[in-house]
Amino acid sequence: MFWTIVACSFVVFIIILYILSPIIAPKAFQVQGAHVLVTGGSSGIGLGIAKAAAKKGANVTLVARNLVRLTQAREEVEKCCNGSSTQRIQCFSADISQNYGEVEQVIRKAEAHLGPVSMLINSAGAGMSGRFDEIPLEEFRKTMDLNYHGSVYATRAVIKNMKERQNGRIVYVSSMAGQLGLYGYTSYSASKFALRGLAEALQMEVKPYNIYITLAFPPDTDTPGYAEENKTKPEETRLISEVAGLFCPEKVANSILEDSVKGKFLCSVGVDGFLLTNLTCGMSPVTSLMEATQQVVTMGLFRIISLFYLDSFDRVVRRCKVHKVTIVKPKEQ
């Protein structure tokens, strides 16, 4: 009888939370007719989000460096349009990592054609994987400029109009490597961790203006950038990364866009992503009572599980070290 009462009380508690959650949840964002600007929109996750937004009726601006790939991407996104005669897709070539002036100029041009940006997707990013003492020092600066400063520049260029209209969505595409530091990602992880500090601080500033930020932590995704990264990826990094699996860009893109529409702050993909995001939620903003309860209830258990993950990662690194030593210094006969 006692356990029946406890179980029923728990069910009632969950139902009450579910009913009350909309009280603090943001109002869903209207994608149809909105101006969605995507940096890094010529390929990978950025292109996937652009296609998903176009299917929902958004006017889309793609920004990336390679004009040829941009033109091809625009054609792909145009095929995803929902048939509205007023829907438009445009693209602009720019290096968002270099200086704010260039980024602002491009965004002003985009807004001149499609109106103020309502949703900004900061998807431009790249990084070299390698051992800390083997990565060129210049690579640390380049990675930070693209992955972090590029997002700062694009956000700075749209935030004023969003605040004036008191409406908007901003997405930062971080990485699971932006939730925990992994072997081979000393440069990449640092730049993706920086996005979290930016997103959390900025969300506190802009929430009164009905602007909501989504911080996405995608897993390894089958994109051209992932293929390029694999060319320099250490064996240890490859073995550790394989744990979470490889996802298709469409699935990742749809999850990010859906969570941004809902106004969710944290966005994860897959079981490992769910575990890691709940485990590392810390003082992140909450937009759902159900989400908050879930984090409180699962954090202790997930921390225990994480210890087994960390131990397996350490064993991978030790095995690879022994293997390398054996190759360099063969056993004497």
Protein backbone atom coordinates (compact mmCIF):
# COMPACT_ATOMS: atom_id res chain seq x y z
CA MET A 1 0.00 0.00 0.00
CA PHE A 2 2.80 2.40 0.97
CA TRP A 3 4.64 1.98 -2.33
CA THR A 4 1.40 2.32 -4.26
CA ILE A 5 0.79 5.67 -2.59
CA VAL A 6 4.36 6.75 -3.34
CA ALA A 7 4.05 5.73 -7.00
CA CYS A 8 0.71 7.49 -7.39
CA SER A 9 2.08 10.62 -5.72
CA PHE A 10 5.04 10.61 -8.08
CA VAL A 11 2.77 10.25 -11.12
CA VAL A 12 0.57 13.10 -9.89
CA PHE A 13 3.68 15.24 -9.32
CA ILE A 14 4.88 14.62 -12.88
CA ILE A 15 1.46 15.44 -14.30
CA ILE A 16 1.36 18.72 -12.35
CA LEU A 17 4.82 19.63 -13.63
CA TYR A 18 3.77 18.84 -17.18
CA ILE A 19 0.72 21.06 -16.83
CA LEU A 20 2.66 23.93 -15.23
CA SER A 21 5.66 23.79 -17.61
CA PRO A 22 4.06 26.05 -20.26
CA ILE A 23 3.83 28.80 -17.62
CA ILE A 24 7.58 29.48 -17.84
CA ALA A 25 8.13 28.10 -21.36
CA PRO A 26 8.70 30.67 -24.15
CA LYS A 27 6.04 31.10 -26.79
CA ALA A 28 6.85 29.02 -29.87
CA PHE A 29 8.67 30.95 -32.59
CA GLN A 30 6.89 31.39 -35.92
CA VAL A 31 9.31 30.18 -38.60
CA GLN A 32 7.06 30.74 -41.61
CA GLY A 33 7.83 34.11 -43.16
CA ALA A 34 10.70 34.76 -40.74
CA HIS A 35 14.18 35.78 -41.93
CA VAL A 36 16.58 33.02 -40.88
CA LEU A 37 20.29 33.77 -41.38
CA VAL A 38 22.74 30.86 -41.25
CA THR A 39 26.49 31.29 -41.02
CA GLY A 40 28.41 28.29 -42.32
CA GLY A 41 25.32 27.60 -44.40
CA SER A 42 27.06 26.15 -47.44
CA SER A 43 27.46 22.64 -46.02
CA GLY A 44 27.02 20.33 -43.06
CA ILE A 45 24.78 21.17 -40.13
CA GLY A 46 24.30 24.77 -41.26
CA LEU A 47 22.99 23.68 -44.64
CA GLY A 48 20.76 21.12 -42.94
CA ILE A 49 19.21 23.79 -40.70
CA ALA A 50 18.71 26.08 -43.72
CA LYS A 51 16.83 23.32 -45.55
CA ALA A 52 14.69 22.55 -42.50
CA ALA A 53 13.83 26.24 -42.10
CA ALA A 54 12.96 26.55 -45.80
CA LYS A 55 10.57 23.61 -45.50
CA LYS A 56 8.76 25.54 -42.77
CA GLY A 57 8.38 28.58 -44.99
CA ALA A 58 11.28 30.76 -43.82
CA ASN A 59 13.18 33.24 -45.95
CA VAL A 60 16.78 32.11 -45.67
CA THR A 61 20.14 33.85 -45.98
CA LEU A 62 23.24 31.67 -46.30
CA VAL A 63 26.63 33.12 -45.35
CA ALA A 64 29.92 31.30 -45.94
CA ARG A 65 33.33 31.84 -47.53
CA ASN A 66 33.23 29.63 -50.62
CA LEU A 67 31.02 31.30 -53.24
CA VAL A 68 30.82 28.21 -55.48
CA ARG A 69 29.61 25.99 -52.64
CA LEU A 70 27.28 28.77 -51.49
CA THR A 71 25.60 28.91 -54.90
CA GLN A 72 25.15 25.14 -54.90
CA ALA A 73 23.77 25.27 -51.37
CA ARG A 74 21.26 27.96 -52.31
CA GLU A 75 19.95 25.75 -55.11
CA GLU A 76 19.56 22.86 -52.66
CA VAL A 77 17.70 25.04 -50.15
CA GLU A 78 15.43 26.46 -52.87
CA LYS A 79 14.27 22.92 -53.66
CA CYS A 80 13.10 22.63 -50.04
CA CYS A 81 10.85 25.71 -50.16
CA ASN A 82 7.20 25.09 -49.30
CA GLY A 83 5.88 26.60 -52.51
CA SER A 84 5.09 30.10 -51.31
CA SER A 85 5.51 32.71 -54.04
CA THR A 86 6.98 35.18 -51.54
CA GLN A 87 9.59 32.83 -50.07
CA ARG A 88 13.17 33.81 -50.95
CA ILE A 89 16.61 32.27 -50.51
CA GLN A 90 19.79 34.34 -50.86
CA CYS A 91 23.49 33.89 -50.19
CA PHE A 92 26.49 36.10 -49.43
CA SER A 93 30.17 35.26 -49.39
CA ALA A 94 32.09 36.50 -46.33
CA ASP A 95 34.74 35.42 -43.85
CA ILE A 96 33.00 36.04 -40.53
CA SER A 97 36.16 35.35 -38.53
CA GLN A 98 38.18 38.35 -39.72
CA ASN A 99 36.53 41.59 -38.69
CA TYR A 100 33.20 42.85 -37.42
CA GLY A 101 32.83 45.48 -40.12
CA GLU A 102 32.65 42.91 -42.92
CA VAL A 103 30.14 40.79 -41.02
CA GLU A 104 27.91 43.76 -40.24
CA GLN A 105 28.00 44.92 -43.87
CA VAL A 106 26.91 41.51 -45.16
CA ILE A 107 24.08 41.24 -42.65
CA ARG A 108 22.84 44.75 -43.49
CA LYS A 109 22.73 43.71 -47.17
CA ALA A 110 20.82 40.56 -46.26
CA GLU A 111 18.31 42.57 -44.21
CA ALA A 112 17.86 45.08 -47.03
CA HIS A 113 16.36 42.27 -49.13
CA LEU A 114 14.53 40.13 -46.57
CA GLY A 115 13.98 42.40 -43.59
CA PRO A 116 15.47 42.15 -40.07
CA VAL A 117 16.97 38.81 -39.07
CA SER A 118 14.53 36.99 -36.78
CA MET A 119 16.59 33.85 -36.24
CA LEU A 120 20.39 33.71 -36.34
CA ILE A 121 22.08 30.33 -36.67
CA ASN A 122 25.78 30.51 -35.77
CA SER A 123 26.92 27.31 -37.45
CA ALA A 124 30.23 28.37 -39.02
CA GLY A 125 33.04 26.46 -37.36
CA ALA A 126 36.02 24.20 -37.86
CA GLY A 127 38.98 22.86 -35.98
CA MET A 128 42.11 20.77 -36.21
CA SER A 129 42.40 17.74 -33.97
CA GLY A 130 45.85 16.78 -32.79
CA ARG A 131 48.08 16.48 -29.77
CA PHE A 132 48.59 19.76 -27.93
CA ASP A 133 52.34 20.00 -28.57
CA GLU A 134 51.89 19.16 -32.27
CA ILE A 135 49.14 21.66 -33.15
CA PRO A 136 50.62 24.85 -34.68
CA LEU A 137 50.17 27.74 -32.28
CA GLU A 138 48.54 29.76 -35.05
CA GLU A 139 45.79 27.14 -35.20
CA PHE A 140 44.65 28.02 -31.66
CA ARG A 141 44.04 31.63 -32.71
CA LYS A 142 42.38 30.69 -36.03
CA THR A 143 40.03 28.24 -34.33
CA MET A 144 39.00 30.78 -31.70
CA ASP A 145 38.51 33.48 -34.34
CA LEU A 146 36.15 31.32 -36.40
CA ASN A 147 34.30 29.31 -33.76
CA TYR A 148 33.96 32.04 -31.14
CA HIS A 149 34.63 35.52 -32.54
CA GLY A 150 32.67 34.74 -35.71
CA SER A 151 29.62 34.01 -33.56
CA VAL A 152 30.20 37.17 -31.52
CA TYR A 153 30.38 39.32 -34.67
CA ALA A 154 27.22 37.88 -36.24
CA THR A 155 25.28 38.17 -32.99
CA ARG A 156 26.41 41.75 -32.44
CA ALA A 157 25.16 42.67 -35.92
CA VAL A 158 21.59 41.41 -35.31
CA ILE A 159 21.01 41.90 -31.60
CA LYS A 160 20.02 45.59 -31.71
CA ASN A 161 17.16 45.01 -34.16
CA MET A 162 15.99 41.97 -32.21
CA LYS A 163 15.85 43.99 -28.99
CA GLU A 164 13.95 46.80 -30.70
CA ARG A 165 11.38 44.33 -32.04
CA GLN A 166 11.45 42.37 -28.75
CA ASN A 167 11.55 39.06 -30.53
CA GLY A 168 14.19 36.68 -31.84
CA ARG A 169 16.09 33.44 -31.66
CA ILE A 170 19.87 32.93 -31.63
CA VAL A 171 21.52 29.53 -32.00
CA TYR A 172 25.13 28.68 -31.16
CA VAL A 173 26.31 25.38 -32.59
CA SER A 174 28.85 24.15 -30.08
CA SER A 175 29.79 20.46 -29.83
CA MET A 176 29.90 17.58 -27.37
CA ALA A 177 33.58 18.56 -27.26
CA GLY A 178 32.29 21.84 -25.81
CA GLN A 179 30.93 19.95 -22.80
CA LEU A 180 34.01 17.96 -21.86
CA GLY A 181 37.61 18.22 -22.93
CA LEU A 182 38.77 15.25 -24.99
CA TYR A 183 42.15 13.99 -26.10
CA GLY A 184 43.21 15.79 -29.28
CA TYR A 185 40.77 18.70 -28.90
CA THR A 186 42.77 21.23 -26.88
CA SER A 187 42.22 23.86 -29.56
CA TYR A 188 38.71 22.89 -30.67
CA SER A 189 37.23 22.24 -27.21
CA ALA A 190 38.47 25.58 -25.87
CA SER A 191 36.69 27.50 -28.64
CA LYS A 192 33.46 25.53 -28.19
CA PHE A 193 33.54 25.90 -24.40
CA ALA A 194 33.77 29.67 -24.94
CA LEU A 195 30.40 29.63 -26.70
CA ARG A 196 28.75 28.38 -23.53
CA GLY A 197 29.93 31.35 -21.48
CA LEU A 198 28.75 33.69 -24.21
CA ALA A 199 25.35 32.01 -24.52
CA GLU A 200 24.62 31.86 -20.78
CA ALA A 201 25.61 35.47 -20.12
CA LEU A 202 23.81 36.81 -23.18
CA GLN A 203 20.61 34.89 -22.41
CA MET A 204 20.38 36.66 -19.06
CA GLU A 205 20.71 40.01 -20.87
CA VAL A 206 18.18 39.45 -23.64
CA LYS A 207 15.48 37.36 -21.96
CA PRO A 208 13.50 40.52 -20.96
CA TYR A 209 13.37 41.35 -24.69
CA ASN A 210 11.74 38.00 -25.55
CA ILE A 211 14.93 36.79 -27.24
CA TYR A 212 15.83 33.18 -26.57
CA ILE A 213 19.16 31.48 -27.14
CA THR A 214 19.76 27.82 -27.93
CA LEU A 215 23.15 26.25 -27.26
CA ALA A 216 23.45 23.07 -29.32
CA PHE A 217 25.86 20.24 -28.58
CA PRO A 218 25.83 18.02 -31.68
CA PRO A 219 27.76 14.73 -31.71
CA ASP A 220 30.04 13.66 -34.55
CA THR A 221 28.07 14.42 -37.71
CA ASP A 222 28.70 13.09 -41.21
CA THR A 223 29.73 16.39 -42.82
CA PRO A 224 32.60 17.62 -45.03
CA GLY A 225 34.10 19.24 -41.93
CA TYR A 226 34.10 15.91 -40.11
CA ALA A 227 35.83 14.23 -43.05
CA GLU A 228 38.49 16.97 -43.06
CA GLU A 229 39.02 16.63 -39.32
CA ASN A 230 39.62 12.89 -39.64
CA LYS A 231 42.73 13.56 -41.74
CA THR A 232 44.67 14.70 -38.66
CA LYS A 233 42.70 12.97 -35.89
CA PRO A 234 44.91 10.98 -33.45
CA GLU A 235 44.00 7.34 -32.90
CA GLU A 236 43.06 8.08 -29.29
CA THR A 237 40.60 10.76 -30.39
CA ARG A 238 39.04 8.51 -33.01
CA LEU A 239 38.49 5.65 -30.55
CA ILE A 240 36.99 7.92 -27.89
CA SER A 241 34.74 9.77 -30.36
CA GLU A 242 33.32 6.54 -31.74
CA VAL A 243 31.51 5.93 -28.44
CA ALA A 244 28.75 8.45 -29.26
CA GLY A 245 28.37 7.27 -32.87
CA LEU A 246 28.08 9.19 -36.14
CA PHE A 247 24.85 11.06 -36.95
CA CYS A 248 23.40 12.31 -40.24
CA PRO A 249 23.28 16.10 -40.61
CA GLU A 250 19.51 16.12 -41.29
CA LYS A 251 18.70 14.57 -37.90
CA VAL A 252 21.02 16.96 -36.07
CA ALA A 253 19.72 19.99 -37.98
CA ASN A 254 16.07 19.15 -37.32
CA SER A 255 16.73 18.72 -33.59
CA ILE A 256 18.50 22.08 -33.35
CA LEU A 257 15.80 23.96 -35.28
CA GLU A 258 13.00 22.32 -33.29
CA ASP A 259 14.60 23.19 -29.93
CA SER A 260 15.25 26.76 -31.05
CA VAL A 261 11.61 27.18 -32.10
CA LYS A 262 10.59 26.02 -28.61
CA GLY A 263 13.08 28.39 -26.99
CA LYS A 264 15.03 25.62 -25.26
CA PHE A 265 18.45 26.71 -24.05
CA LEU A 266 20.23 23.35 -24.17
CA CYS A 267 19.98 21.12 -27.22
CA SER A 268 21.38 17.60 -27.43
CA VAL A 269 21.18 14.74 -29.92
CA GLY A 270 21.28 11.03 -29.12
CA VAL A 271 21.43 9.10 -25.84
CA ASP A 272 25.00 10.08 -25.00
CA GLY A 273 24.21 13.68 -25.80
CA PHE A 274 21.17 13.58 -23.50
CA LEU A 275 23.27 12.15 -20.66
CA LEU A 276 26.09 14.64 -21.09
CA THR A 277 23.81 17.67 -21.42
CA ASN A 278 21.92 16.80 -18.24
CA LEU A 279 25.16 16.08 -16.41
CA THR A 280 26.77 19.39 -17.39
CA CYS A 281 23.70 21.63 -17.15
CA GLY A 282 25.15 23.49 -14.13
CA MET A 283 23.64 26.98 -13.84
CA SER A 284 22.23 27.04 -17.37
CA PRO A 285 18.87 28.76 -17.93
CA VAL A 286 15.76 26.59 -17.64
CA THR A 287 12.66 27.00 -19.81
CA SER A 288 10.65 24.04 -18.52
CA LEU A 289 9.79 22.74 -15.06
CA MET A 290 9.91 19.22 -16.45
CA GLU A 291 13.43 19.83 -17.74
CA ALA A 292 14.55 21.21 -14.37
CA THR A 293 13.11 18.25 -12.47
CA GLN A 294 14.67 15.81 -14.88
CA GLN A 295 18.10 17.41 -14.37
CA VAL A 296 17.81 17.34 -10.59
CA VAL A 297 16.67 13.72 -10.49
CA THR A 298 19.19 12.31 -12.98
CA MET A 299 22.35 14.27 -12.24
CA GLY A 300 23.64 11.98 -9.46
CA LEU A 301 23.05 8.82 -11.47
CA PHE A 302 24.54 10.33 -14.62
CA ARG A 303 27.65 11.37 -12.68
CA ILE A 304 28.18 7.75 -11.65
CA ILE A 305 27.78 6.62 -15.25
CA SER A 306 30.21 9.32 -16.39
CA LEU A 307 32.93 7.86 -14.17
CA PHE A 308 32.83 4.65 -16.19
CA TYR A 309 33.05 6.65 -19.42
CA LEU A 310 36.07 8.58 -18.13
CA ASP A 311 37.78 5.38 -17.02
CA SER A 312 37.25 3.84 -20.46
CA PHE A 313 38.71 6.96 -22.11
CA ASP A 314 41.79 6.78 -19.86
CA ARG A 315 42.25 3.11 -20.75
CA VAL A 316 42.10 3.96 -24.46
CA VAL A 317 44.84 6.56 -24.01
CA ARG A 318 47.02 4.15 -22.00
CA ARG A 319 46.64 1.36 -24.56
CA CYS A 320 47.55 3.67 -27.42
CA LYS A 321 50.62 4.87 -25.52
CA VAL A 322 51.80 1.31 -24.89
CA HIS A 323 51.19 0.45 -28.53
CA LYS A 324 53.26 3.41 -29.74
CA VAL A 325 56.11 2.60 -27.36
CA THR A 326 56.10 -1.00 -28.57
CA ILE A 327 56.38 0.13 -32.18
CA VAL A 328 59.14 2.67 -31.51
CA LYS A 329 61.13 0.34 -29.24
CA PRO A 330 60.60 -3.24 -30.43
CA LYS A 331 61.20 -5.94 -27.90
CA GLU A 332 64.75 -7.33 -28.02
CA GLN A 333 65.17 -10.90 -29.18
